[in-house]
Amino acid sequence: MSETIAYIMMTVGVLFDLLGCVGLVRLPDVYNRLQAATKCVTLGTCMILLGVFVLTGFTAMGIKALICMFFILITNPTSAHALARGSHKAGVPLWPGSVIDEYQEIQEKKS
């Protein structure tokens, strides 16, 4: 039973990773692409690693999967935030269909 659950979790994780890759290719600007890459790939990779943990249990491989999952949950959103902030400060334009730029409004209020 736990093998079936593990394989389902890994399949869902691969599907989320696939959707993140499609979003990375199809979305119009760097900010939307970061959104797709960060959310989908973080969730997908964590689901794969959680499936590995369920499959292997508290073995060396299972503990390593949990540790990797922890580091992905910490580093992926942080790096995406740094990339988005750096892109904004470098002057990378938003997609013309973007409705609001809250970061720009905050910067204008500080000035």
PDB file of N, CA and C in Angstrom:
ATOM      1  N   MET A   1       0.822  -1.201   0.000  1.00  0.00           N
ATOM      2  CA  MET A   1       0.000   0.000   0.000  1.00  0.00           C
ATOM      3  C   MET A   1       0.860   1.257   0.000  1.00  0.00           C
ATOM      4  N   SER A   2       1.927   1.267   0.826  1.00  0.00           N
ATOM      5  CA  SER A   2       2.773   2.452   0.872  1.00  0.00           C
ATOM      6  C   SER A   2       3.543   2.641  -0.437  1.00  0.00           C
ATOM      7  N   GLU A   3       3.832   1.545  -1.140  1.00  0.00           N
ATOM      8  CA  GLU A   3       4.484   1.671  -2.448  1.00  0.00           C
ATOM      9  C   GLU A   3       3.577   2.389  -3.436  1.00  0.00           C
ATOM     10  N   THR A   4       2.311   2.043  -3.419  1.00  0.00           N
ATOM     11  CA  THR A   4       1.355   2.684  -4.326  1.00  0.00           C
ATOM     12  C   THR A   4       1.246   4.176  -4.028  1.00  0.00           C
ATOM     13  N   ILE A   5       1.163   4.519  -2.750  1.00  0.00           N
ATOM     14  CA  ILE A   5       1.093   5.932  -2.356  1.00  0.00           C
ATOM     15  C   ILE A   5       2.362   6.656  -2.777  1.00  0.00           C
ATOM     16  N   ALA A   6       3.510   6.022  -2.588  1.00  0.00           N
ATOM     17  CA  ALA A   6       4.783   6.642  -2.967  1.00  0.00           C
ATOM     18  C   ALA A   6       4.844   6.889  -4.467  1.00  0.00           C
ATOM     19  N   TYR A   7       4.417   5.911  -5.263  1.00  0.00           N
ATOM     20  CA  TYR A   7       4.453   6.081  -6.709  1.00  0.00           C
ATOM     21  C   TYR A   7       3.450   7.141  -7.175  1.00  0.00           C
ATOM     22  N   ILE A   8       2.322   7.226  -6.525  1.00  0.00           N
ATOM     23  CA  ILE A   8       1.345   8.280  -6.855  1.00  0.00           C
ATOM     24  C   ILE A   8       1.934   9.649  -6.537  1.00  0.00           C
ATOM     25  N   MET A   9       2.584   9.775  -5.385  1.00  0.00           N
ATOM     26  CA  MET A   9       3.206  11.045  -5.010  1.00  0.00           C
ATOM     27  C   MET A   9       4.301  11.438  -6.002  1.00  0.00           C
ATOM     28  N   MET A  10       5.096  10.478  -6.404  1.00  0.00           N
ATOM     29  CA  MET A  10       6.158  10.776  -7.369  1.00  0.00           C
ATOM     30  C   MET A  10       5.578  11.156  -8.727  1.00  0.00           C
ATOM     31  N   THR A  11       4.502  10.511  -9.129  1.00  0.00           N
ATOM     32  CA  THR A  11       3.853  10.857 -10.403  1.00  0.00           C
ATOM     33  C   THR A  11       3.280  12.265 -10.357  1.00  0.00           C
ATOM     34  N   VAL A  12       2.624  12.601  -9.258  1.00  0.00           N
ATOM     35  CA  VAL A  12       2.094  13.965  -9.099  1.00  0.00           C
ATOM     36  C   VAL A  12       3.240  14.972  -9.118  1.00  0.00           C
ATOM     37  N   GLY A  13       4.349  14.640  -8.474  1.00  0.00           N
ATOM     38  CA  GLY A  13       5.515  15.526  -8.472  1.00  0.00           C
ATOM     39  C   GLY A  13       6.085  15.742  -9.862  1.00  0.00           C
ATOM     40  N   VAL A  14       6.167  14.686 -10.641  1.00  0.00           N
ATOM     41  CA  VAL A  14       6.668  14.817 -12.013  1.00  0.00           C
ATOM     42  C   VAL A  14       5.714  15.665 -12.844  1.00  0.00           C
ATOM     43  N   LEU A  15       4.407  15.505 -12.642  1.00  0.00           N
ATOM     44  CA  LEU A  15       3.438  16.322 -13.378  1.00  0.00           C
ATOM     45  C   LEU A  15       3.560  17.801 -13.010  1.00  0.00           C
ATOM     46  N   PHE A  16       3.762  18.094 -11.730  1.00  0.00           N
ATOM     47  CA  PHE A  16       3.964  19.489 -11.320  1.00  0.00           C
ATOM     48  C   PHE A  16       5.249  20.044 -11.920  1.00  0.00           C
ATOM     49  N   ASP A  17       6.311  19.243 -11.932  1.00  0.00           N
ATOM     50  CA  ASP A  17       7.556  19.702 -12.557  1.00  0.00           C
ATOM     51  C   ASP A  17       7.348  19.962 -14.044  1.00  0.00           C
ATOM     52  N   LEU A  18       6.600  19.092 -14.703  1.00  0.00           N
ATOM     53  CA  LEU A  18       6.311  19.279 -16.124  1.00  0.00           C
ATOM     54  C   LEU A  18       5.525  20.565 -16.359  1.00  0.00           C
ATOM     55  N   LEU A  19       4.514  20.818 -15.527  1.00  0.00           N
ATOM     56  CA  LEU A  19       3.737  22.056 -15.664  1.00  0.00           C
ATOM     57  C   LEU A  19       4.607  23.288 -15.402  1.00  0.00           C
ATOM     58  N   GLY A  20       5.526  23.184 -14.452  1.00  0.00           N
ATOM     59  CA  GLY A  20       6.446  24.292 -14.207  1.00  0.00           C
ATOM     60  C   GLY A  20       7.341  24.566 -15.400  1.00  0.00           C
ATOM     61  N   CYS A  21       7.796  23.511 -16.066  1.00  0.00           N
ATOM     62  CA  CYS A  21       8.622  23.682 -17.262  1.00  0.00           C
ATOM     63  C   CYS A  21       7.817  24.284 -18.406  1.00  0.00           C
ATOM     64  N   VAL A  22       6.578  23.856 -18.562  1.00  0.00           N
ATOM     65  CA  VAL A  22       5.720  24.434 -19.601  1.00  0.00           C
ATOM     66  C   VAL A  22       5.490  25.919 -19.314  1.00  0.00           C
ATOM     67  N   GLY A  23       5.243  26.260 -18.053  1.00  0.00           N
ATOM     68  CA  GLY A  23       5.065  27.654 -17.678  1.00  0.00           C
ATOM     69  C   GLY A  23       6.318  28.473 -17.908  1.00  0.00           C
ATOM     70  N   LEU A  24       7.461  27.864 -17.694  1.00  0.00           N
ATOM     71  CA  LEU A  24       8.731  28.546 -17.912  1.00  0.00           C
ATOM     72  C   LEU A  24       8.923  28.907 -19.380  1.00  0.00           C
ATOM     73  N   VAL A  25       8.424  28.076 -20.259  1.00  0.00           N
ATOM     74  CA  VAL A  25       8.563  28.317 -21.693  1.00  0.00           C
ATOM     75  C   VAL A  25       7.456  29.235 -22.217  1.00  0.00           C
ATOM     76  N   ARG A  26       6.244  29.090 -21.711  1.00  0.00           N
ATOM     77  CA  ARG A  26       5.091  29.752 -22.311  1.00  0.00           C
ATOM     78  C   ARG A  26       4.750  31.128 -21.743  1.00  0.00           C
ATOM     79  N   LEU A  27       5.136  31.424 -20.519  1.00  0.00           N
ATOM     80  CA  LEU A  27       4.709  32.690 -19.913  1.00  0.00           C
ATOM     81  C   LEU A  27       5.504  33.869 -20.474  1.00  0.00           C
ATOM     82  N   PRO A  28       4.927  35.086 -20.437  1.00  0.00           N
ATOM     83  CA  PRO A  28       5.467  36.192 -21.228  1.00  0.00           C
ATOM     84  C   PRO A  28       6.702  36.902 -20.677  1.00  0.00           C
ATOM     85  N   ASP A  29       6.864  37.032 -19.378  1.00  0.00           N
ATOM     86  CA  ASP A  29       8.016  37.795 -18.889  1.00  0.00           C
ATOM     87  C   ASP A  29       8.710  37.054 -17.754  1.00  0.00           C
ATOM     88  N   VAL A  30       9.832  37.620 -17.330  1.00  0.00           N
ATOM     89  CA  VAL A  30      10.675  36.945 -16.344  1.00  0.00           C
ATOM     90  C   VAL A  30       9.956  36.773 -15.004  1.00  0.00           C
ATOM     91  N   TYR A  31       9.108  37.693 -14.644  1.00  0.00           N
ATOM     92  CA  TYR A  31       8.428  37.620 -13.351  1.00  0.00           C
ATOM     93  C   TYR A  31       7.378  36.503 -13.334  1.00  0.00           C
ATOM     94  N   ASN A  32       6.621  36.375 -14.410  1.00  0.00           N
ATOM     95  CA  ASN A  32       5.660  35.274 -14.502  1.00  0.00           C
ATOM     96  C   ASN A  32       6.368  33.941 -14.602  1.00  0.00           C
ATOM     97  N   ARG A  33       7.479  33.901 -15.298  1.00  0.00           N
ATOM     98  CA  ARG A  33       8.242  32.657 -15.407  1.00  0.00           C
ATOM     99  C   ARG A  33       8.806  32.230 -14.065  1.00  0.00           C
ATOM    100  N   LEU A  34       9.275  33.189 -13.299  1.00  0.00           N
ATOM    101  CA  LEU A  34       9.764  32.866 -11.956  1.00  0.00           C
ATOM    102  C   LEU A  34       8.647  32.323 -11.084  1.00  0.00           C
ATOM    103  N   GLN A  35       7.469  32.865 -11.237  1.00  0.00           N
ATOM    104  CA  GLN A  35       6.307  32.386 -10.482  1.00  0.00           C
ATOM    105  C   GLN A  35       6.039  30.916 -10.792  1.00  0.00           C
ATOM    106  N   ALA A  36       5.991  30.590 -12.078  1.00  0.00           N
ATOM    107  CA  ALA A  36       5.718  29.210 -12.481  1.00  0.00           C
ATOM    108  C   ALA A  36       6.832  28.278 -12.034  1.00  0.00           C
ATOM    109  N   ALA A  37       8.052  28.702 -12.250  1.00  0.00           N
ATOM    110  CA  ALA A  37       9.182  27.844 -11.897  1.00  0.00           C
ATOM    111  C   ALA A  37       9.259  27.618 -10.396  1.00  0.00           C
ATOM    112  N   THR A  38       9.061  28.657  -9.626  1.00  0.00           N
ATOM    113  CA  THR A  38       9.209  28.521  -8.185  1.00  0.00           C
ATOM    114  C   THR A  38       8.116  27.661  -7.578  1.00  0.00           C
ATOM    115  N   LYS A  39       6.887  27.989  -7.851  1.00  0.00           N
ATOM    116  CA  LYS A  39       5.791  27.259  -7.192  1.00  0.00           C
ATOM    117  C   LYS A  39       5.690  25.826  -7.673  1.00  0.00           C
ATOM    118  N   CYS A  40       5.634  25.627  -8.982  1.00  0.00           N
ATOM    119  CA  CYS A  40       5.439  24.274  -9.509  1.00  0.00           C
ATOM    120  C   CYS A  40       6.638  23.381  -9.238  1.00  0.00           C
ATOM    121  N   VAL A  41       7.820  23.887  -9.485  1.00  0.00           N
ATOM    122  CA  VAL A  41       9.002  23.040  -9.327  1.00  0.00           C
ATOM    123  C   VAL A  41       9.280  22.764  -7.852  1.00  0.00           C
ATOM    124  N   THR A  42       9.043  23.725  -6.977  1.00  0.00           N
ATOM    125  CA  THR A  42       9.234  23.462  -5.552  1.00  0.00           C
ATOM    126  C   THR A  42       8.263  22.388  -5.076  1.00  0.00           C
ATOM    127  N   LEU A  43       6.995  22.554  -5.405  1.00  0.00           N
ATOM    128  CA  LEU A  43       6.005  21.562  -4.987  1.00  0.00           C
ATOM    129  C   LEU A  43       6.264  20.212  -5.640  1.00  0.00           C
ATOM    130  N   GLY A  44       6.570  20.207  -6.934  1.00  0.00           N
ATOM    131  CA  GLY A  44       6.802  18.959  -7.634  1.00  0.00           C
ATOM    132  C   GLY A  44       8.007  18.199  -7.111  1.00  0.00           C
ATOM    133  N   THR A  45       9.113  18.895  -6.929  1.00  0.00           N
ATOM    134  CA  THR A  45      10.319  18.240  -6.438  1.00  0.00           C
ATOM    135  C   THR A  45      10.132  17.753  -5.011  1.00  0.00           C
ATOM    136  N   CYS A  46       9.454  18.527  -4.193  1.00  0.00           N
ATOM    137  CA  CYS A  46       9.195  18.080  -2.819  1.00  0.00           C
ATOM    138  C   CYS A  46       8.277  16.863  -2.794  1.00  0.00           C
ATOM    139  N   MET A  47       7.309  16.804  -3.707  1.00  0.00           N
ATOM    140  CA  MET A  47       6.446  15.621  -3.772  1.00  0.00           C
ATOM    141  C   MET A  47       7.243  14.388  -4.197  1.00  0.00           C
ATOM    142  N   ILE A  48       8.153  14.548  -5.146  1.00  0.00           N
ATOM    143  CA  ILE A  48       8.996  13.428  -5.561  1.00  0.00           C
ATOM    144  C   ILE A  48       9.841  12.954  -4.387  1.00  0.00           C
ATOM    145  N   LEU A  49      10.460  13.897  -3.685  1.00  0.00           N
ATOM    146  CA  LEU A  49      11.309  13.521  -2.552  1.00  0.00           C
ATOM    147  C   LEU A  49      10.496  12.910  -1.414  1.00  0.00           C
ATOM    148  N   LEU A  50       9.296  13.409  -1.196  1.00  0.00           N
ATOM    149  CA  LEU A  50       8.432  12.822  -0.168  1.00  0.00           C
ATOM    150  C   LEU A  50       8.014  11.407  -0.573  1.00  0.00           C
ATOM    151  N   GLY A  51       7.774  11.200  -1.854  1.00  0.00           N
ATOM    152  CA  GLY A  51       7.477   9.862  -2.346  1.00  0.00           C
ATOM    153  C   GLY A  51       8.647   8.913  -2.144  1.00  0.00           C
ATOM    154  N   VAL A  52       9.857   9.405  -2.349  1.00  0.00           N
ATOM    155  CA  VAL A  52      11.054   8.588  -2.091  1.00  0.00           C
ATOM    156  C   VAL A  52      11.141   8.244  -0.619  1.00  0.00           C
ATOM    157  N   PHE A  53      10.830   9.213   0.243  1.00  0.00           N
ATOM    158  CA  PHE A  53      10.870   8.946   1.678  1.00  0.00           C
ATOM    159  C   PHE A  53       9.822   7.899   2.067  1.00  0.00           C
ATOM    160  N   VAL A  54       8.619   8.023   1.534  1.00  0.00           N
ATOM    161  CA  VAL A  54       7.565   7.044   1.838  1.00  0.00           C
ATOM    162  C   VAL A  54       7.972   5.659   1.334  1.00  0.00           C
ATOM    163  N   LEU A  55       8.624   5.614   0.192  1.00  0.00           N
ATOM    164  CA  LEU A  55       9.039   4.344  -0.391  1.00  0.00           C
ATOM    165  C   LEU A  55      10.168   3.687   0.397  1.00  0.00           C
ATOM    166  N   THR A  56      11.138   4.481   0.835  1.00  0.00           N
ATOM    167  CA  THR A  56      12.318   3.905   1.496  1.00  0.00           C
ATOM    168  C   THR A  56      12.237   3.908   3.015  1.00  0.00           C
ATOM    169  N   GLY A  57      11.430   4.801   3.595  1.00  0.00           N
ATOM    170  CA  GLY A  57      11.329   4.868   5.055  1.00  0.00           C
ATOM    171  C   GLY A  57      12.517   5.586   5.677  1.00  0.00           C
ATOM    172  N   PHE A  58      12.771   5.290   6.940  1.00  0.00           N
ATOM    173  CA  PHE A  58      13.852   5.954   7.667  1.00  0.00           C
ATOM    174  C   PHE A  58      15.187   5.269   7.399  1.00  0.00           C
ATOM    175  N   THR A  59      15.563   5.206   6.144  1.00  0.00           N
ATOM    176  CA  THR A  59      16.882   4.707   5.765  1.00  0.00           C
ATOM    177  C   THR A  59      17.756   5.915   5.440  1.00  0.00           C
ATOM    178  N   ALA A  60      18.987   5.647   5.040  1.00  0.00           N
ATOM    179  CA  ALA A  60      19.881   6.752   4.675  1.00  0.00           C
ATOM    180  C   ALA A  60      19.304   7.537   3.497  1.00  0.00           C
ATOM    181  N   MET A  61      18.760   6.830   2.532  1.00  0.00           N
ATOM    182  CA  MET A  61      18.180   7.507   1.374  1.00  0.00           C
ATOM    183  C   MET A  61      16.954   8.329   1.771  1.00  0.00           C
ATOM    184  N   GLY A  62      16.113   7.817   2.643  1.00  0.00           N
ATOM    185  CA  GLY A  62      14.925   8.538   3.078  1.00  0.00           C
ATOM    186  C   GLY A  62      15.265   9.809   3.840  1.00  0.00           C
ATOM    187  N   ILE A  63      16.245   9.716   4.719  1.00  0.00           N
ATOM    188  CA  ILE A  63      16.667  10.901   5.482  1.00  0.00           C
ATOM    189  C   ILE A  63      17.283  11.938   4.553  1.00  0.00           C
ATOM    190  N   LYS A  64      18.072  11.494   3.573  1.00  0.00           N
ATOM    191  CA  LYS A  64      18.648  12.428   2.604  1.00  0.00           C
ATOM    192  C   LYS A  64      17.557  13.105   1.786  1.00  0.00           C
ATOM    193  N   ALA A  65      16.504  12.368   1.445  1.00  0.00           N
ATOM    194  CA  ALA A  65      15.383  12.960   0.713  1.00  0.00           C
ATOM    195  C   ALA A  65      14.706  14.042   1.548  1.00  0.00           C
ATOM    196  N   LEU A  66      14.523  13.802   2.837  1.00  0.00           N
ATOM    197  CA  LEU A  66      13.929  14.820   3.707  1.00  0.00           C
ATOM    198  C   LEU A  66      14.818  16.055   3.831  1.00  0.00           C
ATOM    199  N   ILE A  67      16.124  15.831   3.947  1.00  0.00           N
ATOM    200  CA  ILE A  67      17.058  16.960   4.049  1.00  0.00           C
ATOM    201  C   ILE A  67      17.036  17.780   2.758  1.00  0.00           C
ATOM    202  N   CYS A  68      17.042  17.098   1.605  1.00  0.00           N
ATOM    203  CA  CYS A  68      16.973  17.805   0.319  1.00  0.00           C
ATOM    204  C   CYS A  68      15.667  18.576   0.198  1.00  0.00           C
ATOM    205  N   MET A  69      14.581  17.979   0.664  1.00  0.00           N
ATOM    206  CA  MET A  69      13.290  18.645   0.617  1.00  0.00           C
ATOM    207  C   MET A  69      13.320  19.928   1.456  1.00  0.00           C
ATOM    208  N   PHE A  70      13.908  19.861   2.623  1.00  0.00           N
ATOM    209  CA  PHE A  70      14.027  21.037   3.486  1.00  0.00           C
ATOM    210  C   PHE A  70      14.818  22.143   2.789  1.00  0.00           C
ATOM    211  N   PHE A  71      15.952  21.792   2.190  1.00  0.00           N
ATOM    212  CA  PHE A  71      16.768  22.810   1.533  1.00  0.00           C
ATOM    213  C   PHE A  71      16.078  23.391   0.300  1.00  0.00           C
ATOM    214  N   ILE A  72      15.339  22.586  -0.425  1.00  0.00           N
ATOM    215  CA  ILE A  72      14.597  23.104  -1.584  1.00  0.00           C
ATOM    216  C   ILE A  72      13.509  24.063  -1.121  1.00  0.00           C
ATOM    217  N   LEU A  73      12.823  23.729  -0.034  1.00  0.00           N
ATOM    218  CA  LEU A  73      11.772  24.615   0.487  1.00  0.00           C
ATOM    219  C   LEU A  73      12.330  25.948   0.961  1.00  0.00           C
ATOM    220  N   ILE A  74      13.566  25.963   1.420  1.00  0.00           N
ATOM    221  CA  ILE A  74      14.183  27.205   1.889  1.00  0.00           C
ATOM    222  C   ILE A  74      14.810  27.993   0.742  1.00  0.00           C
ATOM    223  N   THR A  75      15.572  27.325  -0.114  1.00  0.00           N
ATOM    224  CA  THR A  75      16.375  28.045  -1.096  1.00  0.00           C
ATOM    225  C   THR A  75      15.629  28.449  -2.361  1.00  0.00           C
ATOM    226  N   ASN A  76      14.693  27.656  -2.823  1.00  0.00           N
ATOM    227  CA  ASN A  76      14.033  27.967  -4.089  1.00  0.00           C
ATOM    228  C   ASN A  76      13.224  29.266  -4.035  1.00  0.00           C
ATOM    229  N   PRO A  77      12.350  29.476  -3.054  1.00  0.00           N
ATOM    230  CA  PRO A  77      11.641  30.766  -3.000  1.00  0.00           C
ATOM    231  C   PRO A  77      12.577  31.949  -2.738  1.00  0.00           C
ATOM    232  N   THR A  78      13.617  31.731  -1.944  1.00  0.00           N
ATOM    233  CA  THR A  78      14.560  32.804  -1.662  1.00  0.00           C
ATOM    234  C   THR A  78      15.317  33.221  -2.911  1.00  0.00           C
ATOM    235  N   SER A  79      15.766  32.253  -3.683  1.00  0.00           N
ATOM    236  CA  SER A  79      16.503  32.582  -4.906  1.00  0.00           C
ATOM    237  C   SER A  79      15.584  33.227  -5.947  1.00  0.00           C
ATOM    238  N   ALA A  80      14.350  32.781  -6.037  1.00  0.00           N
ATOM    239  CA  ALA A  80      13.410  33.391  -6.977  1.00  0.00           C
ATOM    240  C   ALA A  80      13.131  34.843  -6.592  1.00  0.00           C
ATOM    241  N   HIS A  81      13.017  35.101  -5.293  1.00  0.00           N
ATOM    242  CA  HIS A  81      12.804  36.477  -4.839  1.00  0.00           C
ATOM    243  C   HIS A  81      14.004  37.347  -5.193  1.00  0.00           C
ATOM    244  N   ALA A  82      15.207  36.813  -4.984  1.00  0.00           N
ATOM    245  CA  ALA A  82      16.406  37.576  -5.303  1.00  0.00           C
ATOM    246  C   ALA A  82      16.509  37.849  -6.805  1.00  0.00           C
ATOM    247  N   LEU A  83      16.169  36.859  -7.622  1.00  0.00           N
ATOM    248  CA  LEU A  83      16.191  37.066  -9.073  1.00  0.00           C
ATOM    249  C   LEU A  83      15.161  38.095  -9.517  1.00  0.00           C
ATOM    250  N   ALA A  84      13.963  38.036  -8.958  1.00  0.00           N
ATOM    251  CA  ALA A  84      12.922  38.996  -9.325  1.00  0.00           C
ATOM    252  C   ALA A  84      13.302  40.408  -8.887  1.00  0.00           C
ATOM    253  N   ARG A  85      13.836  40.527  -7.702  1.00  0.00           N
ATOM    254  CA  ARG A  85      14.229  41.859  -7.208  1.00  0.00           C
ATOM    255  C   ARG A  85      15.384  42.420  -8.017  1.00  0.00           C
ATOM    256  N   GLY A  86      16.349  41.565  -8.329  1.00  0.00           N
ATOM    257  CA  GLY A  86      17.466  42.005  -9.159  1.00  0.00           C
ATOM    258  C   GLY A  86      17.031  42.393 -10.558  1.00  0.00           C
ATOM    259  N   SER A  87      16.097  41.644 -11.120  1.00  0.00           N
ATOM    260  CA  SER A  87      15.570  41.982 -12.449  1.00  0.00           C
ATOM    261  C   SER A  87      14.847  43.314 -12.417  1.00  0.00           C
ATOM    262  N   HIS A  88      14.076  43.551 -11.376  1.00  0.00           N
ATOM    263  CA  HIS A  88      13.334  44.806 -11.264  1.00  0.00           C
ATOM    264  C   HIS A  88      14.289  45.979 -11.104  1.00  0.00           C
ATOM    265  N   LYS A  89      15.307  45.809 -10.273  1.00  0.00           N
ATOM    266  CA  LYS A  89      16.275  46.894 -10.074  1.00  0.00           C
ATOM    267  C   LYS A  89      17.103  47.145 -11.321  1.00  0.00           C
ATOM    268  N   ALA A  90      17.321  46.102 -12.136  1.00  0.00           N
ATOM    269  CA  ALA A  90      18.086  46.263 -13.376  1.00  0.00           C
ATOM    270  C   ALA A  90      17.245  46.871 -14.487  1.00  0.00           C
ATOM    271  N   GLY A  91      15.950  46.990 -14.262  1.00  0.00           N
ATOM    272  CA  GLY A  91      15.080  47.639 -15.239  1.00  0.00           C
ATOM    273  C   GLY A  91      14.433  46.708 -16.246  1.00  0.00           C
ATOM    274  N   VAL A  92      14.364  45.430 -15.934  1.00  0.00           N
ATOM    275  CA  VAL A  92      13.675  44.496 -16.824  1.00  0.00           C
ATOM    276  C   VAL A  92      12.190  44.832 -16.787  1.00  0.00           C
ATOM    277  N   PRO A  93      11.602  45.131 -17.954  1.00  0.00           N
ATOM    278  CA  PRO A  93      10.206  45.586 -17.950  1.00  0.00           C
ATOM    279  C   PRO A  93       9.224  44.448 -17.670  1.00  0.00           C
ATOM    280  N   LEU A  94       8.102  44.822 -17.094  1.00  0.00           N
ATOM    281  CA  LEU A  94       7.010  43.880 -16.911  1.00  0.00           C
ATOM    282  C   LEU A  94       6.309  43.673 -18.238  1.00  0.00           C
ATOM    283  N   TRP A  95       5.566  42.597 -18.320  1.00  0.00           N
ATOM    284  CA  TRP A  95       4.742  42.332 -19.501  1.00  0.00           C
ATOM    285  C   TRP A  95       3.718  43.461 -19.613  1.00  0.00           C
ATOM    286  N   PRO A  96       3.438  43.951 -20.823  1.00  0.00           N
ATOM    287  CA  PRO A  96       2.478  45.061 -20.969  1.00  0.00           C
ATOM    288  C   PRO A  96       1.088  44.754 -20.412  1.00  0.00           C
ATOM    289  N   GLY A  97       0.725  43.504 -20.310  1.00  0.00           N
ATOM    290  CA  GLY A  97      -0.578  43.144 -19.766  1.00  0.00           C
ATOM    291  C   GLY A  97      -0.605  43.086 -18.248  1.00  0.00           C
ATOM    292  N   SER A  98       0.515  43.374 -17.601  1.00  0.00           N
ATOM    293  CA  SER A  98       0.545  43.370 -16.139  1.00  0.00           C
ATOM    294  C   SER A  98      -0.311  44.506 -15.605  1.00  0.00           C
ATOM    295  N   VAL A  99      -1.036  44.239 -14.544  1.00  0.00           N
ATOM    296  CA  VAL A  99      -1.995  45.200 -14.029  1.00  0.00           C
ATOM    297  C   VAL A  99      -1.358  46.149 -13.021  1.00  0.00           C
ATOM    298  N   ILE A 100      -0.492  45.627 -12.151  1.00  0.00           N
ATOM    299  CA  ILE A 100       0.031  46.435 -11.066  1.00  0.00           C
ATOM    300  C   ILE A 100       1.481  46.062 -10.790  1.00  0.00           C
ATOM    301  N   ASP A 101       2.243  47.051 -10.336  1.00  0.00           N
ATOM    302  CA  ASP A 101       3.626  46.840  -9.926  1.00  0.00           C
ATOM    303  C   ASP A 101       3.766  47.345  -8.492  1.00  0.00           C
ATOM    304  N   GLU A 102       3.477  46.480  -7.544  1.00  0.00           N
ATOM    305  CA  GLU A 102       3.486  46.877  -6.138  1.00  0.00           C
ATOM    306  C   GLU A 102       4.883  47.258  -5.660  1.00  0.00           C
ATOM    307  N   TYR A 103       5.887  46.579  -6.161  1.00  0.00           N
ATOM    308  CA  TYR A 103       7.255  46.893  -5.732  1.00  0.00           C
ATOM    309  C   TYR A 103       7.629  48.316  -6.132  1.00  0.00           C
ATOM    310  N   GLN A 104       7.236  48.743  -7.326  1.00  0.00           N
ATOM    311  CA  GLN A 104       7.505  50.097  -7.774  1.00  0.00           C
ATOM    312  C   GLN A 104       6.764  51.106  -6.900  1.00  0.00           C
ATOM    313  N   GLU A 105       5.523  50.799  -6.527  1.00  0.00           N
ATOM    314  CA  GLU A 105       4.760  51.698  -5.667  1.00  0.00           C
ATOM    315  C   GLU A 105       5.411  51.845  -4.304  1.00  0.00           C
ATOM    316  N   ILE A 106       5.922  50.767  -3.755  1.00  0.00           N
ATOM    317  CA  ILE A 106       6.595  50.817  -2.453  1.00  0.00           C
ATOM    318  C   ILE A 106       7.855  51.670  -2.558  1.00  0.00           C
ATOM    319  N   GLN A 107       8.617  51.507  -3.636  1.00  0.00           N
ATOM    320  CA  GLN A 107       9.831  52.285  -3.822  1.00  0.00           C
ATOM    321  C   GLN A 107       9.527  53.765  -3.988  1.00  0.00           C
ATOM    322  N   GLU A 108       8.427  54.098  -4.636  1.00  0.00           N
ATOM    323  CA  GLU A 108       8.051  55.491  -4.801  1.00  0.00           C
ATOM    324  C   GLU A 108       7.616  56.122  -3.490  1.00  0.00           C
ATOM    325  N   LYS A 109       6.975  55.339  -2.614  1.00  0.00           N
ATOM    326  CA  LYS A 109       6.550  55.860  -1.321  1.00  0.00           C
ATOM    327  C   LYS A 109       7.753  56.124  -0.413  1.00  0.00           C
ATOM    328  N   LYS A 110       8.803  55.325  -0.546  1.00  0.00           N
ATOM    329  CA  LYS A 110      10.008  55.507   0.277  1.00  0.00           C
ATOM    330  C   LYS A 110      10.776  56.761  -0.122  1.00  0.00           C
ATOM    331  N   SER A 111      10.672  57.132  -1.398  1.00  0.00           N
ATOM    332  CA  SER A 111      11.448  58.289  -1.897  1.00  0.00           C
ATOM    333  C   SER A 111      10.881  59.597  -1.443  1.00  0.00           C
TER     334      SER A 111
END
